[in-house]
Amino acid sequence: HVIIQCFIHAGWKLTYDRYYQDKTRSILRHMLDHLSKDPDLKFCWTEVTYLKQWYSALSADDQASFLKILRNGQLEILSGGWVMPDEAVTHYTAILDQLTEGHLWLQKELSQYYTVRHGMAVDPFGHSPTAAYLLRRSGVSDVIIQRAHFALKKHLALKQQLEFNW
Protein backbone atom coordinates (compact mmCIF):
# COMPACT_ATOMS: atom_id res chain seq x y z
CA HIS A 1 0.00 0.00 0.00
CA VAL A 2 1.07 3.54 -0.67
CA ILE A 3 -0.50 6.13 1.56
CA ILE A 4 0.06 9.74 0.64
CA GLN A 5 1.09 12.02 3.47
CA CYS A 6 1.70 15.70 3.67
CA PHE A 7 3.64 17.85 6.07
CA ILE A 8 3.39 21.64 5.87
CA HIS A 9 5.54 23.88 8.03
CA ALA A 10 3.69 26.40 10.14
CA GLY A 11 6.44 28.88 9.35
CA TRP A 12 9.89 28.17 7.99
CA LYS A 13 10.76 29.75 4.66
CA LEU A 14 7.33 31.35 4.31
CA THR A 15 4.98 32.93 6.80
CA TYR A 16 2.15 30.92 8.27
CA ASP A 17 -0.35 32.73 6.02
CA ARG A 18 1.75 32.23 2.87
CA TYR A 19 1.99 28.50 3.54
CA TYR A 20 -1.77 28.39 3.98
CA GLN A 21 -2.61 30.52 0.94
CA ASP A 22 0.00 29.10 -1.44
CA LYS A 23 0.12 25.45 -0.42
CA THR A 24 -2.24 24.17 2.25
CA ARG A 25 -5.60 25.20 0.79
CA SER A 26 -4.96 23.55 -2.56
CA ILE A 27 -3.47 20.40 -1.01
CA LEU A 28 -6.47 19.90 1.25
CA ARG A 29 -8.91 20.79 -1.56
CA HIS A 30 -7.32 18.17 -3.85
CA MET A 31 -7.32 15.67 -1.00
CA LEU A 32 -11.04 16.18 -0.44
CA ASP A 33 -11.85 15.98 -4.16
CA HIS A 34 -9.80 12.84 -4.82
CA LEU A 35 -10.75 10.93 -1.68
CA SER A 36 -14.42 11.73 -2.23
CA LYS A 37 -14.22 10.22 -5.72
CA ASP A 38 -12.15 7.13 -4.86
CA PRO A 39 -12.92 5.28 -1.60
CA ASP A 40 -9.73 3.21 -1.96
CA LEU A 41 -7.45 6.25 -1.61
CA LYS A 42 -5.93 7.17 1.74
CA PHE A 43 -4.21 10.35 2.94
CA CYS A 44 -2.37 11.37 6.11
CA TRP A 45 -2.23 14.87 7.58
CA THR A 46 -0.44 16.26 10.64
CA GLU A 47 -0.92 20.00 11.28
CA VAL A 48 -4.21 20.64 13.06
CA THR A 49 -3.65 24.41 12.89
CA TYR A 50 -4.05 24.39 9.10
CA LEU A 51 -6.80 21.78 9.18
CA LYS A 52 -8.84 23.98 11.52
CA GLN A 53 -8.42 27.04 9.32
CA TRP A 54 -9.32 25.11 6.16
CA TYR A 55 -12.24 23.20 7.70
CA SER A 56 -13.74 26.40 9.12
CA ALA A 57 -13.83 27.94 5.64
CA LEU A 58 -15.59 24.96 4.01
CA SER A 59 -19.21 25.01 2.89
CA ALA A 60 -21.64 22.75 4.76
CA ASP A 61 -21.56 20.27 1.85
CA ASP A 62 -17.76 20.15 1.83
CA GLN A 63 -17.68 19.73 5.61
CA ALA A 64 -20.06 16.78 5.22
CA SER A 65 -17.78 15.28 2.52
CA PHE A 66 -14.77 15.79 4.77
CA LEU A 67 -16.47 14.07 7.70
CA LYS A 68 -17.46 11.19 5.42
CA ILE A 69 -13.85 10.50 4.33
CA LEU A 70 -12.74 10.83 7.94
CA ARG A 71 -15.41 8.39 9.12
CA ASN A 72 -14.54 5.97 6.29
CA GLY A 73 -10.90 5.85 7.40
CA GLN A 74 -9.58 7.45 4.21
CA LEU A 75 -8.02 10.36 6.09
CA GLU A 76 -5.75 9.86 9.06
CA ILE A 77 -4.74 12.77 11.26
CA LEU A 78 -1.36 11.83 12.69
CA SER A 79 -0.16 12.93 16.15
CA GLY A 80 -2.99 15.47 16.44
CA GLY A 81 -0.71 18.34 17.39
CA TRP A 82 -1.29 21.93 16.45
CA VAL A 83 2.03 21.67 14.57
CA MET A 84 4.85 19.15 14.21
CA PRO A 85 7.35 20.51 16.76
CA ASP A 86 11.13 20.42 16.60
CA GLU A 87 11.32 17.83 19.37
CA ALA A 88 14.96 17.94 20.36
CA VAL A 89 15.19 21.70 20.93
CA THR A 90 11.70 22.50 22.22
CA HIS A 91 10.87 22.64 25.91
CA TYR A 92 8.42 19.95 26.96
CA THR A 93 5.80 22.52 27.98
CA ALA A 94 5.68 23.90 24.43
CA ILE A 95 5.35 20.37 23.02
CA LEU A 96 2.57 19.68 25.50
CA ASP A 97 0.79 22.99 24.76
CA GLN A 98 0.68 22.45 21.00
CA LEU A 99 -0.36 18.80 21.43
CA THR A 100 -3.14 19.83 23.83
CA GLU A 101 -4.34 22.60 21.51
CA GLY A 102 -4.58 20.24 18.55
CA HIS A 103 -6.26 17.44 20.48
CA LEU A 104 -8.77 19.83 22.05
CA TRP A 105 -9.84 21.13 18.64
CA LEU A 106 -10.11 17.59 17.25
CA GLN A 107 -12.12 16.51 20.29
CA LYS A 108 -14.45 19.50 20.03
CA GLU A 109 -15.02 19.37 16.27
CA LEU A 110 -14.41 15.78 15.15
CA SER A 111 -14.57 13.45 18.16
CA GLN A 112 -17.69 11.63 17.00
CA TYR A 113 -15.89 10.86 13.74
CA TYR A 114 -12.24 10.43 14.66
CA THR A 115 -9.69 9.71 17.40
CA VAL A 116 -5.94 10.11 16.90
CA ARG A 117 -4.19 6.74 17.22
CA HIS A 118 -0.94 7.08 15.28
CA GLY A 119 1.79 9.69 15.04
CA MET A 120 4.36 11.00 12.61
CA ALA A 121 7.58 12.91 13.25
CA VAL A 122 9.24 13.30 9.85
CA ASP A 123 10.83 16.73 10.17
CA PRO A 124 11.47 17.43 13.85
CA PHE A 125 15.22 18.22 13.72
CA GLY A 126 15.88 15.49 16.24
CA HIS A 127 13.74 13.28 18.41
CA SER A 128 13.17 13.28 22.13
CA PRO A 129 11.93 10.65 24.54
CA THR A 130 9.79 13.38 26.09
CA ALA A 131 7.82 13.87 22.86
CA ALA A 132 7.38 10.10 22.55
CA TYR A 133 6.16 9.97 26.15
CA LEU A 134 3.68 12.83 25.65
CA LEU A 135 2.33 11.28 22.46
CA ARG A 136 1.85 7.94 24.21
CA ARG A 137 0.06 9.63 27.11
CA SER A 138 -2.25 11.36 24.60
CA GLY A 139 -3.38 8.02 23.15
CA VAL A 140 -0.95 7.67 20.25
CA SER A 141 0.12 4.02 20.02
CA ASP A 142 2.91 4.29 17.44
CA VAL A 143 4.90 6.90 15.53
CA ILE A 144 6.59 6.96 12.14
CA ILE A 145 9.91 8.79 12.47
CA GLN A 146 12.40 10.26 10.03
CA ARG A 147 15.66 12.18 10.39
CA ALA A 148 17.41 9.44 12.29
CA HIS A 149 21.16 9.33 11.68
CA PHE A 150 22.09 7.04 8.76
CA ALA A 151 24.38 4.97 10.99
CA LEU A 152 21.52 4.31 13.40
CA LYS A 153 19.19 3.37 10.52
CA LYS A 154 21.83 1.01 9.12
CA HIS A 155 22.42 -0.57 12.54
CA LEU A 156 18.69 -1.08 13.14
CA ALA A 157 18.19 -2.46 9.62
CA LEU A 158 21.02 -4.99 10.01
CA LYS A 159 19.50 -6.20 13.28
CA GLN A 160 16.00 -6.12 11.76
CA GLN A 161 14.91 -3.70 14.47
CA LEU A 162 13.56 -0.79 12.45
CA GLU A 163 10.36 -1.22 14.43
CA PHE A 164 11.21 -0.60 18.07
CA ASN A 165 9.81 0.57 21.38
CA TRP A 166 11.27 3.78 22.72
C-alpha atoms as a PDB file:
ATOM      1  CA  HIS A   1       0.000   0.000   0.000  1.00  0.00           C
ATOM      2  CA  VAL A   2       1.075   3.537  -0.672  1.00  0.00           C
ATOM      3  CA  ILE A   3      -0.505   6.133   1.562  1.00  0.00           C
ATOM      4  CA  ILE A   4       0.065   9.738   0.639  1.00  0.00           C
ATOM      5  CA  GLN A   5       1.085  12.022   3.469  1.00  0.00           C
ATOM      6  CA  CYS A   6       1.704  15.704   3.666  1.00  0.00           C
ATOM      7  CA  PHE A   7       3.644  17.852   6.070  1.00  0.00           C
ATOM      8  CA  ILE A   8       3.394  21.644   5.865  1.00  0.00           C
ATOM      9  CA  HIS A   9       5.536  23.880   8.032  1.00  0.00           C
ATOM     10  CA  ALA A  10       3.693  26.399  10.138  1.00  0.00           C
ATOM     11  CA  GLY A  11       6.443  28.885   9.352  1.00  0.00           C
ATOM     12  CA  TRP A  12       9.891  28.172   7.989  1.00  0.00           C
ATOM     13  CA  LYS A  13      10.763  29.752   4.657  1.00  0.00           C
ATOM     14  CA  LEU A  14       7.330  31.348   4.313  1.00  0.00           C
ATOM     15  CA  THR A  15       4.976  32.927   6.800  1.00  0.00           C
ATOM     16  CA  TYR A  16       2.150  30.917   8.269  1.00  0.00           C
ATOM     17  CA  ASP A  17      -0.351  32.727   6.016  1.00  0.00           C
ATOM     18  CA  ARG A  18       1.748  32.226   2.867  1.00  0.00           C
ATOM     19  CA  TYR A  19       1.994  28.497   3.540  1.00  0.00           C
ATOM     20  CA  TYR A  20      -1.772  28.392   3.983  1.00  0.00           C
ATOM     21  CA  GLN A  21      -2.610  30.521   0.939  1.00  0.00           C
ATOM     22  CA  ASP A  22       0.000  29.101  -1.440  1.00  0.00           C
ATOM     23  CA  LYS A  23       0.118  25.448  -0.422  1.00  0.00           C
ATOM     24  CA  THR A  24      -2.241  24.170   2.246  1.00  0.00           C
ATOM     25  CA  ARG A  25      -5.600  25.201   0.793  1.00  0.00           C
ATOM     26  CA  SER A  26      -4.963  23.547  -2.559  1.00  0.00           C
ATOM     27  CA  ILE A  27      -3.468  20.401  -1.009  1.00  0.00           C
ATOM     28  CA  LEU A  28      -6.474  19.901   1.246  1.00  0.00           C
ATOM     29  CA  ARG A  29      -8.909  20.791  -1.557  1.00  0.00           C
ATOM     30  CA  HIS A  30      -7.318  18.174  -3.849  1.00  0.00           C
ATOM     31  CA  MET A  31      -7.315  15.673  -0.999  1.00  0.00           C
ATOM     32  CA  LEU A  32     -11.036  16.176  -0.440  1.00  0.00           C
ATOM     33  CA  ASP A  33     -11.849  15.978  -4.159  1.00  0.00           C
ATOM     34  CA  HIS A  34      -9.801  12.837  -4.824  1.00  0.00           C
ATOM     35  CA  LEU A  35     -10.751  10.928  -1.681  1.00  0.00           C
ATOM     36  CA  SER A  36     -14.425  11.732  -2.227  1.00  0.00           C
ATOM     37  CA  LYS A  37     -14.225  10.216  -5.721  1.00  0.00           C
ATOM     38  CA  ASP A  38     -12.146   7.133  -4.856  1.00  0.00           C
ATOM     39  CA  PRO A  39     -12.919   5.281  -1.597  1.00  0.00           C
ATOM     40  CA  ASP A  40      -9.732   3.209  -1.964  1.00  0.00           C
ATOM     41  CA  LEU A  41      -7.448   6.253  -1.613  1.00  0.00           C
ATOM     42  CA  LYS A  42      -5.926   7.174   1.742  1.00  0.00           C
ATOM     43  CA  PHE A  43      -4.213  10.351   2.935  1.00  0.00           C
ATOM     44  CA  CYS A  44      -2.368  11.373   6.113  1.00  0.00           C
ATOM     45  CA  TRP A  45      -2.226  14.872   7.582  1.00  0.00           C
ATOM     46  CA  THR A  46      -0.441  16.262  10.637  1.00  0.00           C
ATOM     47  CA  GLU A  47      -0.918  20.000  11.281  1.00  0.00           C
ATOM     48  CA  VAL A  48      -4.213  20.642  13.059  1.00  0.00           C
ATOM     49  CA  THR A  49      -3.647  24.406  12.889  1.00  0.00           C
ATOM     50  CA  TYR A  50      -4.051  24.387   9.103  1.00  0.00           C
ATOM     51  CA  LEU A  51      -6.796  21.777   9.178  1.00  0.00           C
ATOM     52  CA  LYS A  52      -8.841  23.976  11.522  1.00  0.00           C
ATOM     53  CA  GLN A  53      -8.424  27.042   9.316  1.00  0.00           C
ATOM     54  CA  TRP A  54      -9.324  25.114   6.157  1.00  0.00           C
ATOM     55  CA  TYR A  55     -12.238  23.198   7.702  1.00  0.00           C
ATOM     56  CA  SER A  56     -13.744  26.400   9.120  1.00  0.00           C
ATOM     57  CA  ALA A  57     -13.834  27.939   5.637  1.00  0.00           C
ATOM     58  CA  LEU A  58     -15.593  24.956   4.005  1.00  0.00           C
ATOM     59  CA  SER A  59     -19.205  25.005   2.887  1.00  0.00           C
ATOM     60  CA  ALA A  60     -21.644  22.754   4.759  1.00  0.00           C
ATOM     61  CA  ASP A  61     -21.559  20.268   1.847  1.00  0.00           C
ATOM     62  CA  ASP A  62     -17.756  20.154   1.831  1.00  0.00           C
ATOM     63  CA  GLN A  63     -17.678  19.730   5.606  1.00  0.00           C
ATOM     64  CA  ALA A  64     -20.056  16.776   5.218  1.00  0.00           C
ATOM     65  CA  SER A  65     -17.777  15.283   2.524  1.00  0.00           C
ATOM     66  CA  PHE A  66     -14.766  15.790   4.774  1.00  0.00           C
ATOM     67  CA  LEU A  67     -16.474  14.072   7.700  1.00  0.00           C
ATOM     68  CA  LYS A  68     -17.455  11.191   5.422  1.00  0.00           C
ATOM     69  CA  ILE A  69     -13.852  10.502   4.331  1.00  0.00           C
ATOM     70  CA  LEU A  70     -12.743  10.833   7.940  1.00  0.00           C
ATOM     71  CA  ARG A  71     -15.414   8.393   9.123  1.00  0.00           C
ATOM     72  CA  ASN A  72     -14.542   5.968   6.286  1.00  0.00           C
ATOM     73  CA  GLY A  73     -10.901   5.853   7.399  1.00  0.00           C
ATOM     74  CA  GLN A  74      -9.580   7.454   4.212  1.00  0.00           C
ATOM     75  CA  LEU A  75      -8.018  10.357   6.093  1.00  0.00           C
ATOM     76  CA  GLU A  76      -5.750   9.859   9.063  1.00  0.00           C
ATOM     77  CA  ILE A  77      -4.739  12.770  11.259  1.00  0.00           C
ATOM     78  CA  LEU A  78      -1.361  11.826  12.691  1.00  0.00           C
ATOM     79  CA  SER A  79      -0.159  12.933  16.150  1.00  0.00           C
ATOM     80  CA  GLY A  80      -2.986  15.465  16.445  1.00  0.00           C
ATOM     81  CA  GLY A  81      -0.710  18.336  17.386  1.00  0.00           C
ATOM     82  CA  TRP A  82      -1.287  21.933  16.452  1.00  0.00           C
ATOM     83  CA  VAL A  83       2.034  21.673  14.570  1.00  0.00           C
ATOM     84  CA  MET A  84       4.854  19.147  14.210  1.00  0.00           C
ATOM     85  CA  PRO A  85       7.351  20.508  16.762  1.00  0.00           C
ATOM     86  CA  ASP A  86      11.125  20.419  16.601  1.00  0.00           C
ATOM     87  CA  GLU A  87      11.317  17.834  19.370  1.00  0.00           C
ATOM     88  CA  ALA A  88      14.965  17.944  20.362  1.00  0.00           C
ATOM     89  CA  VAL A  89      15.187  21.703  20.932  1.00  0.00           C
ATOM     90  CA  THR A  90      11.699  22.497  22.218  1.00  0.00           C
ATOM     91  CA  HIS A  91      10.866  22.645  25.912  1.00  0.00           C
ATOM     92  CA  TYR A  92       8.420  19.950  26.964  1.00  0.00           C
ATOM     93  CA  THR A  93       5.796  22.524  27.982  1.00  0.00           C
ATOM     94  CA  ALA A  94       5.682  23.900  24.431  1.00  0.00           C
ATOM     95  CA  ILE A  95       5.351  20.369  23.015  1.00  0.00           C
ATOM     96  CA  LEU A  96       2.570  19.676  25.500  1.00  0.00           C
ATOM     97  CA  ASP A  97       0.795  22.991  24.765  1.00  0.00           C
ATOM     98  CA  GLN A  98       0.675  22.447  21.004  1.00  0.00           C
ATOM     99  CA  LEU A  99      -0.364  18.803  21.434  1.00  0.00           C
ATOM    100  CA  THR A 100      -3.137  19.829  23.831  1.00  0.00           C
ATOM    101  CA  GLU A 101      -4.338  22.603  21.512  1.00  0.00           C
ATOM    102  CA  GLY A 102      -4.580  20.240  18.553  1.00  0.00           C
ATOM    103  CA  HIS A 103      -6.259  17.439  20.483  1.00  0.00           C
ATOM    104  CA  LEU A 104      -8.770  19.832  22.054  1.00  0.00           C
ATOM    105  CA  TRP A 105      -9.845  21.131  18.640  1.00  0.00           C
ATOM    106  CA  LEU A 106     -10.113  17.592  17.249  1.00  0.00           C
ATOM    107  CA  GLN A 107     -12.118  16.509  20.285  1.00  0.00           C
ATOM    108  CA  LYS A 108     -14.452  19.499  20.030  1.00  0.00           C
ATOM    109  CA  GLU A 109     -15.018  19.366  16.268  1.00  0.00           C
ATOM    110  CA  LEU A 110     -14.411  15.783  15.151  1.00  0.00           C
ATOM    111  CA  SER A 111     -14.567  13.446  18.160  1.00  0.00           C
ATOM    112  CA  GLN A 112     -17.689  11.634  17.001  1.00  0.00           C
ATOM    113  CA  TYR A 113     -15.885  10.858  13.744  1.00  0.00           C
ATOM    114  CA  TYR A 114     -12.239  10.433  14.656  1.00  0.00           C
ATOM    115  CA  THR A 115      -9.691   9.711  17.398  1.00  0.00           C
ATOM    116  CA  VAL A 116      -5.939  10.112  16.897  1.00  0.00           C
ATOM    117  CA  ARG A 117      -4.191   6.744  17.220  1.00  0.00           C
ATOM    118  CA  HIS A 118      -0.943   7.080  15.277  1.00  0.00           C
ATOM    119  CA  GLY A 119       1.786   9.692  15.041  1.00  0.00           C
ATOM    120  CA  MET A 120       4.357  11.000  12.612  1.00  0.00           C
ATOM    121  CA  ALA A 121       7.584  12.906  13.246  1.00  0.00           C
ATOM    122  CA  VAL A 122       9.243  13.300   9.854  1.00  0.00           C
ATOM    123  CA  ASP A 123      10.826  16.727  10.166  1.00  0.00           C
ATOM    124  CA  PRO A 124      11.468  17.430  13.847  1.00  0.00           C
ATOM    125  CA  PHE A 125      15.216  18.223  13.720  1.00  0.00           C
ATOM    126  CA  GLY A 126      15.880  15.486  16.238  1.00  0.00           C
ATOM    127  CA  HIS A 127      13.735  13.280  18.405  1.00  0.00           C
ATOM    128  CA  SER A 128      13.172  13.278  22.127  1.00  0.00           C
ATOM    129  CA  PRO A 129      11.934  10.648  24.541  1.00  0.00           C
ATOM    130  CA  THR A 130       9.786  13.384  26.090  1.00  0.00           C
ATOM    131  CA  ALA A 131       7.825  13.867  22.863  1.00  0.00           C
ATOM    132  CA  ALA A 132       7.382  10.096  22.551  1.00  0.00           C
ATOM    133  CA  TYR A 133       6.164   9.966  26.152  1.00  0.00           C
ATOM    134  CA  LEU A 134       3.681  12.825  25.654  1.00  0.00           C
ATOM    135  CA  LEU A 135       2.326  11.279  22.460  1.00  0.00           C
ATOM    136  CA  ARG A 136       1.848   7.942  24.208  1.00  0.00           C
ATOM    137  CA  ARG A 137       0.055   9.631  27.109  1.00  0.00           C
ATOM    138  CA  SER A 138      -2.253  11.355  24.601  1.00  0.00           C
ATOM    139  CA  GLY A 139      -3.377   8.025  23.155  1.00  0.00           C
ATOM    140  CA  VAL A 140      -0.952   7.671  20.247  1.00  0.00           C
ATOM    141  CA  SER A 141       0.123   4.020  20.018  1.00  0.00           C
ATOM    142  CA  ASP A 142       2.913   4.291  17.442  1.00  0.00           C
ATOM    143  CA  VAL A 143       4.896   6.902  15.532  1.00  0.00           C
ATOM    144  CA  ILE A 144       6.588   6.957  12.144  1.00  0.00           C
ATOM    145  CA  ILE A 145       9.908   8.793  12.468  1.00  0.00           C
ATOM    146  CA  GLN A 146      12.398  10.261  10.028  1.00  0.00           C
ATOM    147  CA  ARG A 147      15.656  12.178  10.390  1.00  0.00           C
ATOM    148  CA  ALA A 148      17.413   9.442  12.294  1.00  0.00           C
ATOM    149  CA  HIS A 149      21.157   9.327  11.680  1.00  0.00           C
ATOM    150  CA  PHE A 150      22.086   7.045   8.756  1.00  0.00           C
ATOM    151  CA  ALA A 151      24.384   4.973  10.989  1.00  0.00           C
ATOM    152  CA  LEU A 152      21.518   4.310  13.397  1.00  0.00           C
ATOM    153  CA  LYS A 153      19.192   3.370  10.524  1.00  0.00           C
ATOM    154  CA  LYS A 154      21.828   1.009   9.123  1.00  0.00           C
ATOM    155  CA  HIS A 155      22.416  -0.565  12.543  1.00  0.00           C
ATOM    156  CA  LEU A 156      18.695  -1.082  13.143  1.00  0.00           C
ATOM    157  CA  ALA A 157      18.192  -2.464   9.617  1.00  0.00           C
ATOM    158  CA  LEU A 158      21.018  -4.986  10.010  1.00  0.00           C
ATOM    159  CA  LYS A 159      19.502  -6.197  13.276  1.00  0.00           C
ATOM    160  CA  GLN A 160      16.000  -6.124  11.756  1.00  0.00           C
ATOM    161  CA  GLN A 161      14.911  -3.702  14.472  1.00  0.00           C
ATOM    162  CA  LEU A 162      13.563  -0.792  12.452  1.00  0.00           C
ATOM    163  CA  GLU A 163      10.361  -1.224  14.429  1.00  0.00           C
ATOM    164  CA  PHE A 164      11.211  -0.596  18.068  1.00  0.00           C
ATOM    165  CA  ASN A 165       9.808   0.572  21.380  1.00  0.00           C
ATOM    166  CA  TRP A 166      11.270   3.779  22.719  1.00  0.00           C
END
